[in-house]
């Protein structure tokens, strides 16, 4: 049971740190499925416990902003690549449909011998 309480305390501290870093409590409330009031209480308790160390430094905020910008760029690239792959798949599916239209209609394909016998 002690381990579970420790994990809960770590989550509370993480949420409080995110709120102090500037993430809105409404966003955090949805993310962690708790009420905004609960998050505000966690932030207050965290600040009381940590004192001046509770607030991230300017350097930490700059580093976080840089890391966030890098992650957003990587996310945009991944979305673009995924979109290109989906488009490529659709094009290939359409090409497969177009290369075999006769066989799909139940008609003999051009490669089959015709019904004419050359005797």
PDB file of N, CA and C in Angstrom:
ATOM      1  N   UNK A   1       0.819  -1.193   0.000  1.00  0.00           N
ATOM      2  CA  UNK A   1       0.000   0.000   0.000  1.00  0.00           C
ATOM      3  C   UNK A   1       0.863   1.258   0.000  1.00  0.00           C
ATOM      4  N   UNK A   2       2.002   1.156   0.651  1.00  0.00           N
ATOM      5  CA  UNK A   2       2.878   2.321   0.716  1.00  0.00           C
ATOM      6  C   UNK A   2       3.361   2.715  -0.680  1.00  0.00           C
ATOM      7  N   UNK A   3       3.648   1.732  -1.515  1.00  0.00           N
ATOM      8  CA  UNK A   3       4.126   2.004  -2.865  1.00  0.00           C
ATOM      9  C   UNK A   3       3.053   2.737  -3.670  1.00  0.00           C
ATOM     10  N   UNK A   4       1.810   2.344  -3.506  1.00  0.00           N
ATOM     11  CA  UNK A   4       0.707   2.995  -4.215  1.00  0.00           C
ATOM     12  C   UNK A   4       0.587   4.461  -3.809  1.00  0.00           C
ATOM     13  N   UNK A   5       0.711   4.742  -2.516  1.00  0.00           N
ATOM     14  CA  UNK A   5       0.649   6.125  -2.034  1.00  0.00           C
ATOM     15  C   UNK A   5       1.812   6.949  -2.581  1.00  0.00           C
ATOM     16  N   UNK A   6       2.968   6.313  -2.712  1.00  0.00           N
ATOM     17  CA  UNK A   6       4.138   7.005  -3.238  1.00  0.00           C
ATOM     18  C   UNK A   6       3.912   7.376  -4.703  1.00  0.00           C
ATOM     19  N   UNK A   7       3.326   6.472  -5.470  1.00  0.00           N
ATOM     20  CA  UNK A   7       3.030   6.748  -6.869  1.00  0.00           C
ATOM     21  C   UNK A   7       2.022   7.881  -6.972  1.00  0.00           C
ATOM     22  N   UNK A   8       0.984   7.839  -6.136  1.00  0.00           N
ATOM     23  CA  UNK A   8      -0.029   8.899  -6.136  1.00  0.00           C
ATOM     24  C   UNK A   8       0.599  10.249  -5.809  1.00  0.00           C
ATOM     25  N   UNK A   9       1.502  10.259  -4.841  1.00  0.00           N
ATOM     26  CA  UNK A   9       2.180  11.507  -4.461  1.00  0.00           C
ATOM     27  C   UNK A   9       3.032  12.031  -5.613  1.00  0.00           C
ATOM     28  N   UNK A  10       3.695  11.138  -6.334  1.00  0.00           N
ATOM     29  CA  UNK A  10       4.503  11.547  -7.478  1.00  0.00           C
ATOM     30  C   UNK A  10       3.631  12.152  -8.575  1.00  0.00           C
ATOM     31  N   UNK A  11       2.468  11.552  -8.802  1.00  0.00           N
ATOM     32  CA  UNK A  11       1.546  12.092  -9.812  1.00  0.00           C
ATOM     33  C   UNK A  11       1.054  13.462  -9.384  1.00  0.00           C
ATOM     34  N   UNK A  12       0.687  13.607  -8.119  1.00  0.00           N
ATOM     35  CA  UNK A  12       0.231  14.918  -7.606  1.00  0.00           C
ATOM     36  C   UNK A  12       1.316  15.970  -7.816  1.00  0.00           C
ATOM     37  N   UNK A  13       2.562  15.608  -7.495  1.00  0.00           N
ATOM     38  CA  UNK A  13       3.665  16.560  -7.655  1.00  0.00           C
ATOM     39  C   UNK A  13       3.875  16.913  -9.123  1.00  0.00           C
ATOM     40  N   UNK A  14       3.770  15.918  -9.985  1.00  0.00           N
ATOM     41  CA  UNK A  14       3.940  16.164 -11.420  1.00  0.00           C
ATOM     42  C   UNK A  14       2.867  17.119 -11.929  1.00  0.00           C
ATOM     43  N   UNK A  15       1.629  16.884 -11.539  1.00  0.00           N
ATOM     44  CA  UNK A  15       0.525  17.747 -11.964  1.00  0.00           C
ATOM     45  C   UNK A  15       0.745  19.157 -11.436  1.00  0.00           C
ATOM     46  N   UNK A  16       1.150  19.267 -10.201  1.00  0.00           N
ATOM     47  CA  UNK A  16       1.406  20.587  -9.610  1.00  0.00           C
ATOM     48  C   UNK A  16       2.535  21.302 -10.357  1.00  0.00           C
ATOM     49  N   UNK A  17       3.590  20.577 -10.694  1.00  0.00           N
ATOM     50  CA  UNK A  17       4.705  21.178 -11.430  1.00  0.00           C
ATOM     51  C   UNK A  17       4.257  21.643 -12.812  1.00  0.00           C
ATOM     52  N   UNK A  18       3.420  20.845 -13.476  1.00  0.00           N
ATOM     53  CA  UNK A  18       2.918  21.240 -14.794  1.00  0.00           C
ATOM     54  C   UNK A  18       2.061  22.503 -14.688  1.00  0.00           C
ATOM     55  N   UNK A  19       1.258  22.563 -13.636  1.00  0.00           N
ATOM     56  CA  UNK A  19       0.420  23.754 -13.442  1.00  0.00           C
ATOM     57  C   UNK A  19       1.290  24.982 -13.167  1.00  0.00           C
ATOM     58  N   UNK A  20       2.318  24.800 -12.365  1.00  0.00           N
ATOM     59  CA  UNK A  20       3.214  25.916 -12.069  1.00  0.00           C
ATOM     60  C   UNK A  20       4.042  26.326 -13.281  1.00  0.00           C
ATOM     61  N   UNK A  21       4.237  25.394 -14.200  1.00  0.00           N
ATOM     62  CA  UNK A  21       4.993  25.695 -15.421  1.00  0.00           C
ATOM     63  C   UNK A  21       4.141  26.455 -16.429  1.00  0.00           C
ATOM     64  N   UNK A  22       2.842  26.573 -16.157  1.00  0.00           N
ATOM     65  CA  UNK A  22       2.005  27.391 -17.024  1.00  0.00           C
ATOM     66  C   UNK A  22       0.898  26.656 -17.752  1.00  0.00           C
ATOM     67  N   UNK A  23       0.787  25.354 -17.560  1.00  0.00           N
ATOM     68  CA  UNK A  23      -0.299  24.611 -18.208  1.00  0.00           C
ATOM     69  C   UNK A  23      -1.578  24.895 -17.432  1.00  0.00           C
ATOM     70  N   UNK A  24      -2.620  25.219 -18.153  1.00  0.00           N
ATOM     71  CA  UNK A  24      -3.886  25.585 -17.509  1.00  0.00           C
ATOM     72  C   UNK A  24      -4.471  24.417 -16.732  1.00  0.00           C
ATOM     73  N   UNK A  25      -5.107  24.758 -15.606  1.00  0.00           N
ATOM     74  CA  UNK A  25      -5.681  23.719 -14.763  1.00  0.00           C
ATOM     75  C   UNK A  25      -6.802  22.965 -15.477  1.00  0.00           C
ATOM     76  N   UNK A  26      -7.544  23.626 -16.350  1.00  0.00           N
ATOM     77  CA  UNK A  26      -8.597  22.948 -17.105  1.00  0.00           C
ATOM     78  C   UNK A  26      -8.043  21.858 -17.995  1.00  0.00           C
ATOM     79  N   UNK A  27      -6.921  22.148 -18.632  1.00  0.00           N
ATOM     80  CA  UNK A  27      -6.263  21.152 -19.496  1.00  0.00           C
ATOM     81  C   UNK A  27      -5.770  19.983 -18.654  1.00  0.00           C
ATOM     82  N   UNK A  28      -5.126  20.297 -17.544  1.00  0.00           N
ATOM     83  CA  UNK A  28      -4.620  19.245 -16.659  1.00  0.00           C
ATOM     84  C   UNK A  28      -5.763  18.423 -16.062  1.00  0.00           C
ATOM     85  N   UNK A  29      -6.862  19.086 -15.734  1.00  0.00           N
ATOM     86  CA  UNK A  29      -8.013  18.385 -15.167  1.00  0.00           C
ATOM     87  C   UNK A  29      -8.543  17.343 -16.142  1.00  0.00           C
ATOM     88  N   UNK A  30      -8.631  17.710 -17.416  1.00  0.00           N
ATOM     89  CA  UNK A  30      -9.089  16.742 -18.421  1.00  0.00           C
ATOM     90  C   UNK A  30      -8.067  15.627 -18.625  1.00  0.00           C
ATOM     91  N   UNK A  31      -6.802  16.013 -18.638  1.00  0.00           N
ATOM     92  CA  UNK A  31      -5.739  15.029 -18.878  1.00  0.00           C
ATOM     93  C   UNK A  31      -5.685  13.979 -17.771  1.00  0.00           C
ATOM     94  N   UNK A  32      -5.809  14.419 -16.521  1.00  0.00           N
ATOM     95  CA  UNK A  32      -5.671  13.510 -15.384  1.00  0.00           C
ATOM     96  C   UNK A  32      -7.006  13.100 -14.772  1.00  0.00           C
ATOM     97  N   UNK A  33      -8.100  13.567 -15.350  1.00  0.00           N
ATOM     98  CA  UNK A  33      -9.446  13.201 -14.917  1.00  0.00           C
ATOM     99  C   UNK A  33      -9.700  13.531 -13.446  1.00  0.00           C
ATOM    100  N   UNK A  34      -9.353  14.763 -13.086  1.00  0.00           N
ATOM    101  CA  UNK A  34      -9.661  15.289 -11.754  1.00  0.00           C
ATOM    102  C   UNK A  34     -10.234  16.688 -11.928  1.00  0.00           C
ATOM    103  N   UNK A  35     -10.798  17.228 -10.873  1.00  0.00           N
ATOM    104  CA  UNK A  35     -11.398  18.559 -10.981  1.00  0.00           C
ATOM    105  C   UNK A  35     -10.310  19.642 -10.919  1.00  0.00           C
ATOM    106  N   UNK A  36     -10.574  20.789 -11.553  1.00  0.00           N
ATOM    107  CA  UNK A  36      -9.611  21.897 -11.471  1.00  0.00           C
ATOM    108  C   UNK A  36      -9.359  22.336 -10.032  1.00  0.00           C
ATOM    109  N   UNK A  37     -10.390  22.268  -9.206  1.00  0.00           N
ATOM    110  CA  UNK A  37     -10.219  22.658  -7.798  1.00  0.00           C
ATOM    111  C   UNK A  37      -9.218  21.744  -7.105  1.00  0.00           C
ATOM    112  N   UNK A  38      -9.277  20.456  -7.412  1.00  0.00           N
ATOM    113  CA  UNK A  38      -8.323  19.506  -6.829  1.00  0.00           C
ATOM    114  C   UNK A  38      -6.906  19.858  -7.246  1.00  0.00           C
ATOM    115  N   UNK A  39      -6.750  20.221  -8.505  1.00  0.00           N
ATOM    116  CA  UNK A  39      -5.407  20.590  -8.990  1.00  0.00           C
ATOM    117  C   UNK A  39      -4.917  21.843  -8.280  1.00  0.00           C
ATOM    118  N   UNK A  40      -5.787  22.813  -8.112  1.00  0.00           N
ATOM    119  CA  UNK A  40      -5.376  24.033  -7.388  1.00  0.00           C
ATOM    120  C   UNK A  40      -4.956  23.703  -5.959  1.00  0.00           C
ATOM    121  N   UNK A  41      -5.651  22.771  -5.318  1.00  0.00           N
ATOM    122  CA  UNK A  41      -5.264  22.337  -3.971  1.00  0.00           C
ATOM    123  C   UNK A  41      -3.899  21.654  -3.991  1.00  0.00           C
ATOM    124  N   UNK A  42      -3.668  20.798  -4.991  1.00  0.00           N
ATOM    125  CA  UNK A  42      -2.380  20.124  -5.106  1.00  0.00           C
ATOM    126  C   UNK A  42      -1.253  21.134  -5.305  1.00  0.00           C
ATOM    127  N   UNK A  43      -1.515  22.163  -6.107  1.00  0.00           N
ATOM    128  CA  UNK A  43      -0.504  23.196  -6.361  1.00  0.00           C
ATOM    129  C   UNK A  43      -0.194  23.944  -5.066  1.00  0.00           C
ATOM    130  N   UNK A  44      -1.238  24.305  -4.329  1.00  0.00           N
ATOM    131  CA  UNK A  44      -1.043  25.030  -3.065  1.00  0.00           C
ATOM    132  C   UNK A  44      -0.226  24.180  -2.091  1.00  0.00           C
ATOM    133  N   UNK A  45      -0.588  22.884  -1.969  1.00  0.00           N
ATOM    134  CA  UNK A  45       0.146  21.992  -1.066  1.00  0.00           C
ATOM    135  C   UNK A  45       1.594  21.821  -1.526  1.00  0.00           C
ATOM    136  N   UNK A  46       1.792  21.705  -2.823  1.00  0.00           N
ATOM    137  CA  UNK A  46       3.139  21.553  -3.366  1.00  0.00           C
ATOM    138  C   UNK A  46       3.982  22.796  -3.072  1.00  0.00           C
ATOM    139  N   UNK A  47       3.396  23.969  -3.248  1.00  0.00           N
ATOM    140  CA  UNK A  47       4.129  25.213  -2.976  1.00  0.00           C
ATOM    141  C   UNK A  47       4.459  25.345  -1.501  1.00  0.00           C
ATOM    142  N   UNK A  48       3.530  24.930  -0.643  1.00  0.00           N
ATOM    143  CA  UNK A  48       3.799  24.987   0.795  1.00  0.00           C
ATOM    144  C   UNK A  48       4.935  24.044   1.176  1.00  0.00           C
ATOM    145  N   UNK A  49       4.950  22.872   0.547  1.00  0.00           N
ATOM    146  CA  UNK A  49       5.961  21.870   0.857  1.00  0.00           C
ATOM    147  C   UNK A  49       7.322  22.249   0.283  1.00  0.00           C
ATOM    148  N   UNK A  50       7.340  22.759  -0.955  1.00  0.00           N
ATOM    149  CA  UNK A  50       8.600  23.019  -1.643  1.00  0.00           C
ATOM    150  C   UNK A  50       9.115  24.452  -1.461  1.00  0.00           C
ATOM    151  N   UNK A  51       8.282  25.369  -1.092  1.00  0.00           N
ATOM    152  CA  UNK A  51       8.696  26.752  -0.910  1.00  0.00           C
ATOM    153  C   UNK A  51       9.086  27.398  -2.229  1.00  0.00           C
ATOM    154  N   UNK A  52      10.177  28.157  -2.242  1.00  0.00           N
ATOM    155  CA  UNK A  52      10.622  28.870  -3.442  1.00  0.00           C
ATOM    156  C   UNK A  52      11.083  27.916  -4.543  1.00  0.00           C
ATOM    157  N   UNK A  53      11.447  26.708  -4.167  1.00  0.00           N
ATOM    158  CA  UNK A  53      11.884  25.727  -5.161  1.00  0.00           C
ATOM    159  C   UNK A  53      10.717  25.202  -6.006  1.00  0.00           C
ATOM    160  N   UNK A  54       9.486  25.553  -5.647  1.00  0.00           N
ATOM    161  CA  UNK A  54       8.314  25.046  -6.353  1.00  0.00           C
ATOM    162  C   UNK A  54       8.188  25.630  -7.750  1.00  0.00           C
ATOM    163  N   UNK A  55       8.678  26.845  -7.940  1.00  0.00           N
ATOM    164  CA  UNK A  55       8.553  27.490  -9.236  1.00  0.00           C
ATOM    165  C   UNK A  55       9.745  27.139 -10.125  1.00  0.00           C
ATOM    166  N   UNK A  56       9.485  26.798 -11.380  1.00  0.00           N
ATOM    167  CA  UNK A  56      10.602  26.517 -12.283  1.00  0.00           C
ATOM    168  C   UNK A  56      11.382  27.793 -12.594  1.00  0.00           C
ATOM    169  N   UNK A  57      12.671  27.649 -12.788  1.00  0.00           N
ATOM    170  CA  UNK A  57      13.499  28.805 -13.111  1.00  0.00           C
ATOM    171  C   UNK A  57      13.241  29.218 -14.565  1.00  0.00           C
ATOM    172  N   UNK A  58      13.736  30.399 -14.918  1.00  0.00           N
ATOM    173  CA  UNK A  58      13.604  30.883 -16.296  1.00  0.00           C
ATOM    174  C   UNK A  58      14.300  29.919 -17.255  1.00  0.00           C
ATOM    175  N   UNK A  59      15.471  29.438 -16.867  1.00  0.00           N
ATOM    176  CA  UNK A  59      16.201  28.488 -17.719  1.00  0.00           C
ATOM    177  C   UNK A  59      15.401  27.209 -17.937  1.00  0.00           C
ATOM    178  N   UNK A  60      14.754  26.717 -16.870  1.00  0.00           N
ATOM    179  CA  UNK A  60      13.932  25.513 -17.004  1.00  0.00           C
ATOM    180  C   UNK A  60      12.753  25.769 -17.947  1.00  0.00           C
ATOM    181  N   UNK A  61      12.150  26.927 -17.831  1.00  0.00           N
ATOM    182  CA  UNK A  61      11.024  27.266 -18.705  1.00  0.00           C
ATOM    183  C   UNK A  61      11.470  27.374 -20.164  1.00  0.00           C
ATOM    184  N   UNK A  62      12.647  27.967 -20.392  1.00  0.00           N
ATOM    185  CA  UNK A  62      13.178  28.090 -21.755  1.00  0.00           C
ATOM    186  C   UNK A  62      13.473  26.701 -22.326  1.00  0.00           C
ATOM    187  N   UNK A  63      14.094  25.847 -21.505  1.00  0.00           N
ATOM    188  CA  UNK A  63      14.385  24.479 -21.945  1.00  0.00           C
ATOM    189  C   UNK A  63      13.101  23.720 -22.262  1.00  0.00           C
ATOM    190  N   UNK A  64      12.094  23.894 -21.412  1.00  0.00           N
ATOM    191  CA  UNK A  64      10.808  23.231 -21.657  1.00  0.00           C
ATOM    192  C   UNK A  64      10.167  23.740 -22.943  1.00  0.00           C
ATOM    193  N   UNK A  65      10.256  25.039 -23.194  1.00  0.00           N
ATOM    194  CA  UNK A  65       9.670  25.605 -24.412  1.00  0.00           C
ATOM    195  C   UNK A  65      10.393  25.082 -25.654  1.00  0.00           C
ATOM    196  N   UNK A  66      11.725  24.974 -25.580  1.00  0.00           N
ATOM    197  CA  UNK A  66      12.497  24.432 -26.700  1.00  0.00           C
ATOM    198  C   UNK A  66      12.128  22.979 -26.955  1.00  0.00           C
ATOM    199  N   UNK A  67      12.046  22.203 -25.875  1.00  0.00           N
ATOM    200  CA  UNK A  67      11.699  20.790 -25.998  1.00  0.00           C
ATOM    201  C   UNK A  67      10.290  20.629 -26.579  1.00  0.00           C
ATOM    202  N   UNK A  68       9.373  21.475 -26.150  1.00  0.00           N
ATOM    203  CA  UNK A  68       8.014  21.442 -26.671  1.00  0.00           C
ATOM    204  C   UNK A  68       7.993  21.772 -28.161  1.00  0.00           C
ATOM    205  N   UNK A  69       8.757  22.777 -28.569  1.00  0.00           N
ATOM    206  CA  UNK A  69       8.812  23.147 -29.987  1.00  0.00           C
ATOM    207  C   UNK A  69       9.387  22.001 -30.821  1.00  0.00           C
ATOM    208  N   UNK A  70      10.414  21.338 -30.304  1.00  0.00           N
ATOM    209  CA  UNK A  70      10.995  20.191 -31.010  1.00  0.00           C
ATOM    210  C   UNK A  70       9.993  19.054 -31.137  1.00  0.00           C
ATOM    211  N   UNK A  71       9.274  18.781 -30.061  1.00  0.00           N
ATOM    212  CA  UNK A  71       8.276  17.715 -30.093  1.00  0.00           C
ATOM    213  C   UNK A  71       7.147  18.039 -31.064  1.00  0.00           C
ATOM    214  N   UNK A  72       6.724  19.298 -31.089  1.00  0.00           N
ATOM    215  CA  UNK A  72       5.669  19.699 -32.020  1.00  0.00           C
ATOM    216  C   UNK A  72       6.137  19.549 -33.462  1.00  0.00           C
ATOM    217  N   UNK A  73       7.390  19.900 -33.737  1.00  0.00           N
ATOM    218  CA  UNK A  73       7.929  19.752 -35.089  1.00  0.00           C
ATOM    219  C   UNK A  73       7.977  18.275 -35.495  1.00  0.00           C
ATOM    220  N   UNK A  74       8.423  17.421 -34.576  1.00  0.00           N
ATOM    221  CA  UNK A  74       8.471  15.986 -34.856  1.00  0.00           C
ATOM    222  C   UNK A  74       7.061  15.429 -35.067  1.00  0.00           C
ATOM    223  N   UNK A  75       6.127  15.904 -34.292  1.00  0.00           N
ATOM    224  CA  UNK A  75       4.734  15.462 -34.421  1.00  0.00           C
ATOM    225  C   UNK A  75       4.168  15.868 -35.778  1.00  0.00           C
ATOM    226  N   UNK A  76       4.431  17.103 -36.182  1.00  0.00           N
ATOM    227  CA  UNK A  76       3.966  17.574 -37.493  1.00  0.00           C
ATOM    228  C   UNK A  76       4.578  16.749 -38.623  1.00  0.00           C
ATOM    229  N   UNK A  77       5.864  16.426 -38.511  1.00  0.00           N
ATOM    230  CA  UNK A  77       6.521  15.604 -39.526  1.00  0.00           C
ATOM    231  C   UNK A  77       5.906  14.206 -39.570  1.00  0.00           C
ATOM    232  N   UNK A  78       5.618  13.649 -38.398  1.00  0.00           N
ATOM    233  CA  UNK A  78       5.021  12.313 -38.346  1.00  0.00           C
ATOM    234  C   UNK A  78       3.626  12.335 -38.968  1.00  0.00           C
ATOM    235  N   UNK A  79       2.859  13.365 -38.684  1.00  0.00           N
ATOM    236  CA  UNK A  79       1.529  13.476 -39.279  1.00  0.00           C
ATOM    237  C   UNK A  79       1.609  13.607 -40.795  1.00  0.00           C
ATOM    238  N   UNK A  80       2.578  14.393 -41.264  1.00  0.00           N
ATOM    239  CA  UNK A  80       2.744  14.574 -42.699  1.00  0.00           C
ATOM    240  C   UNK A  80       3.126  13.248 -43.357  1.00  0.00           C
ATOM    241  N   UNK A  81       4.047  12.522 -42.737  1.00  0.00           N
ATOM    242  CA  UNK A  81       4.472  11.234 -43.278  1.00  0.00           C
ATOM    243  C   UNK A  81       3.316  10.242 -43.277  1.00  0.00           C
ATOM    244  N   UNK A  82       2.527  10.253 -42.227  1.00  0.00           N
ATOM    245  CA  UNK A  82       1.371   9.362 -42.152  1.00  0.00           C
ATOM    246  C   UNK A  82       0.369   9.713 -43.239  1.00  0.00           C
ATOM    247  N   UNK A  83       0.130  11.000 -43.446  1.00  0.00           N
ATOM    248  CA  UNK A  83      -0.784  11.432 -44.494  1.00  0.00           C
ATOM    249  C   UNK A  83      -0.291  11.023 -45.869  1.00  0.00           C
ATOM    250  N   UNK A  84       1.004  11.144 -46.096  1.00  0.00           N
ATOM    251  CA  UNK A  84       1.574  10.733 -47.383  1.00  0.00           C
ATOM    252  C   UNK A  84       1.422   9.228 -47.585  1.00  0.00           C
ATOM    253  N   UNK A  85       1.617   8.451 -46.528  1.00  0.00           N
ATOM    254  CA  UNK A  85       1.479   6.994 -46.628  1.00  0.00           C
ATOM    255  C   UNK A  85       0.026   6.625 -46.916  1.00  0.00           C
ATOM    256  N   UNK A  86      -0.908   7.287 -46.278  1.00  0.00           N
ATOM    257  CA  UNK A  86      -2.324   7.003 -46.528  1.00  0.00           C
ATOM    258  C   UNK A  86      -2.694   7.339 -47.969  1.00  0.00           C
ATOM    259  N   UNK A  87      -2.199   8.463 -48.459  1.00  0.00           N
ATOM    260  CA  UNK A  87      -2.463   8.847 -49.843  1.00  0.00           C
ATOM    261  C   UNK A  87      -1.853   7.828 -50.801  1.00  0.00           C
ATOM    262  N   UNK A  88      -0.645   7.416 -50.524  1.00  0.00           N
ATOM    263  CA  UNK A  88       0.029   6.418 -51.353  1.00  0.00           C
ATOM    264  C   UNK A  88      -0.768   5.112 -51.371  1.00  0.00           C
ATOM    265  N   UNK A  89      -1.274   4.688 -50.212  1.00  0.00           N
ATOM    266  CA  UNK A  89      -2.082   3.466 -50.147  1.00  0.00           C
ATOM    267  C   UNK A  89      -3.356   3.589 -50.979  1.00  0.00           C
ATOM    268  N   UNK A  90      -4.007   4.734 -50.912  1.00  0.00           N
ATOM    269  CA  UNK A  90      -5.230   4.935 -51.694  1.00  0.00           C
ATOM    270  C   UNK A  90      -4.936   4.875 -53.188  1.00  0.00           C
ATOM    271  N   UNK A  91      -3.849   5.506 -53.602  1.00  0.00           N
ATOM    272  CA  UNK A  91      -3.471   5.498 -55.018  1.00  0.00           C
ATOM    273  C   UNK A  91      -3.186   4.071 -55.470  1.00  0.00           C
ATOM    274  N   UNK A  92      -2.464   3.321 -54.663  1.00  0.00           N
ATOM    275  CA  UNK A  92      -2.155   1.930 -55.017  1.00  0.00           C
ATOM    276  C   UNK A  92      -3.418   1.083 -55.083  1.00  0.00           C
ATOM    277  N   UNK A  93      -4.336   1.308 -54.173  1.00  0.00           N
ATOM    278  CA  UNK A  93      -5.598   0.568 -54.206  1.00  0.00           C
ATOM    279  C   UNK A  93      -6.373   0.880 -55.484  1.00  0.00           C
ATOM    280  N   UNK A  94      -6.401   2.139 -55.883  1.00  0.00           N
ATOM    281  CA  UNK A  94      -7.093   2.522 -57.109  1.00  0.00           C
ATOM    282  C   UNK A  94      -6.409   1.905 -58.334  1.00  0.00           C
ATOM    283  N   UNK A  95      -5.080   1.870 -58.326  1.00  0.00           N
ATOM    284  CA  UNK A  95      -4.356   1.260 -59.445  1.00  0.00           C
ATOM    285  C   UNK A  95      -4.654  -0.229 -59.554  1.00  0.00           C
ATOM    286  N   UNK A  96      -4.734  -0.910 -58.424  1.00  0.00           N
ATOM    287  CA  UNK A  96      -5.046  -2.336 -58.441  1.00  0.00           C
ATOM    288  C   UNK A  96      -6.439  -2.549 -59.019  1.00  0.00           C
ATOM    289  N   UNK A  97      -7.371  -1.719 -58.662  1.00  0.00           N
ATOM    290  CA  UNK A  97      -8.736  -1.826 -59.196  1.00  0.00           C
ATOM    291  C   UNK A  97      -8.742  -1.613 -60.706  1.00  0.00           C
ATOM    292  N   UNK A  98      -7.964  -0.674 -61.196  1.00  0.00           N
ATOM    293  CA  UNK A  98      -7.964  -0.332 -62.617  1.00  0.00           C
ATOM    294  C   UNK A  98      -7.225  -1.349 -63.471  1.00  0.00           C
ATOM    295  N   UNK A  99      -6.280  -2.072 -62.914  1.00  0.00           N
ATOM    296  CA  UNK A  99      -5.504  -3.016 -63.720  1.00  0.00           C
ATOM    297  C   UNK A  99      -6.241  -4.317 -63.949  1.00  0.00           C
ATOM    298  N   UNK A 100      -7.317  -4.586 -63.208  1.00  0.00           N
ATOM    299  CA  UNK A 100      -8.043  -5.831 -63.358  1.00  0.00           C
ATOM    300  C   UNK A 100      -9.548  -5.617 -63.511  1.00  0.00           C
ATOM    301  N   UNK A 101      -9.998  -4.653 -64.305  1.00  0.00           N
ATOM    302  CA  UNK A 101     -11.436  -4.414 -64.372  1.00  0.00           C
ATOM    303  C   UNK A 101     -12.203  -5.550 -65.020  1.00  0.00           C
ATOM    304  N   UNK A 102     -11.639  -6.242 -66.031  1.00  0.00           N
ATOM    305  CA  UNK A 102     -12.355  -7.307 -66.728  1.00  0.00           C
ATOM    306  C   UNK A 102     -12.601  -8.487 -65.805  1.00  0.00           C
ATOM    307  N   UNK A 103     -11.630  -8.881 -65.047  1.00  0.00           N
ATOM    308  CA  UNK A 103     -11.793 -10.033 -64.168  1.00  0.00           C
ATOM    309  C   UNK A 103     -12.758  -9.726 -63.033  1.00  0.00           C
ATOM    310  N   UNK A 104     -12.891  -8.481 -62.675  1.00  0.00           N
ATOM    311  CA  UNK A 104     -13.801  -8.116 -61.606  1.00  0.00           C
ATOM    312  C   UNK A 104     -15.247  -8.161 -62.088  1.00  0.00           C
ATOM    313  N   UNK A 105     -15.500  -8.024 -63.376  1.00  0.00           N
ATOM    314  CA  UNK A 105     -16.847  -8.047 -63.923  1.00  0.00           C
ATOM    315  C   UNK A 105     -17.266  -9.439 -64.352  1.00  0.00           C
ATOM    316  N   UNK A 106     -16.441 -10.441 -64.128  1.00  0.00           N
ATOM    317  CA  UNK A 106     -16.767 -11.796 -64.510  1.00  0.00           C
ATOM    318  C   UNK A 106     -16.454 -12.101 -65.964  1.00  0.00           C
ATOM    319  N   UNK A 107     -15.836 -11.187 -66.658  1.00  0.00           N
ATOM    320  CA  UNK A 107     -15.466 -11.391 -68.051  1.00  0.00           C
ATOM    321  C   UNK A 107     -14.109 -12.059 -68.115  1.00  0.00           C
ATOM    322  N   UNK A 108     -13.869 -12.820 -69.176  1.00  0.00           N
ATOM    323  CA  UNK A 108     -12.538 -13.436 -69.275  1.00  0.00           C
ATOM    324  C   UNK A 108     -11.479 -12.354 -69.474  1.00  0.00           C
ATOM    325  N   UNK A 109     -10.341 -12.578 -68.902  1.00  0.00           N
ATOM    326  CA  UNK A 109      -9.268 -11.598 -69.050  1.00  0.00           C
ATOM    327  C   UNK A 109      -8.654 -11.729 -70.425  1.00  0.00           C
ATOM    328  N   UNK A 110      -7.989 -10.714 -70.922  1.00  0.00           N
ATOM    329  CA  UNK A 110      -7.401 -10.748 -72.257  1.00  0.00           C
ATOM    330  C   UNK A 110      -6.360 -11.845 -72.433  1.00  0.00           C
ATOM    331  N   UNK A 111      -5.801 -12.381 -71.358  1.00  0.00           N
ATOM    332  CA  UNK A 111      -4.777 -13.406 -71.450  1.00  0.00           C
ATOM    333  C   UNK A 111      -5.355 -14.783 -71.738  1.00  0.00           C
ATOM    334  N   UNK A 112      -6.654 -15.003 -71.488  1.00  0.00           N
ATOM    335  CA  UNK A 112      -7.271 -16.297 -71.758  1.00  0.00           C
ATOM    336  C   UNK A 112      -7.420 -16.488 -73.258  1.00  0.00           C
ATOM    337  N   UNK A 113      -7.361 -17.749 -73.700  1.00  0.00           N
ATOM    338  CA  UNK A 113      -7.543 -17.998 -75.130  1.00  0.00           C
ATOM    339  C   UNK A 113      -8.992 -17.741 -75.482  1.00  0.00           C
ATOM    340  N   UNK A 114      -9.224 -17.274 -76.663  1.00  0.00           N
ATOM    341  CA  UNK A 114     -10.578 -16.946 -77.079  1.00  0.00           C
ATOM    342  C   UNK A 114     -11.342 -18.213 -77.394  1.00  0.00           C
ATOM    343  N   UNK A 115     -12.640 -18.102 -77.575  1.00  0.00           N
ATOM    344  CA  UNK A 115     -13.472 -19.270 -77.853  1.00  0.00           C
ATOM    345  C   UNK A 115     -13.304 -19.736 -79.298  1.00  0.00           C
ATOM    346  N   UNK A 116     -12.659 -18.920 -80.098  1.00  0.00           N
ATOM    347  CA  UNK A 116     -12.406 -19.326 -81.487  1.00  0.00           C
ATOM    348  C   UNK A 116     -11.296 -20.347 -81.531  1.00  0.00           C
ATOM    349  N   UNK A 117     -11.545 -21.421 -82.220  1.00  0.00           N
ATOM    350  CA  UNK A 117     -10.528 -22.442 -82.402  1.00  0.00           C
ATOM    351  C   UNK A 117      -9.915 -22.268 -83.777  1.00  0.00           C
ATOM    352  N   UNK A 118      -8.652 -22.300 -83.855  1.00  0.00           N
ATOM    353  CA  UNK A 118      -8.003 -22.210 -85.150  1.00  0.00           C
ATOM    354  C   UNK A 118      -7.600 -23.610 -85.562  1.00  0.00           C
ATOM    355  N   UNK A 119      -8.422 -24.207 -86.345  1.00  0.00           N
ATOM    356  CA  UNK A 119      -8.122 -25.582 -86.794  1.00  0.00           C
ATOM    357  C   UNK A 119      -7.701 -25.618 -88.195  1.00  0.00           C
TER     358      UNK A 119
END
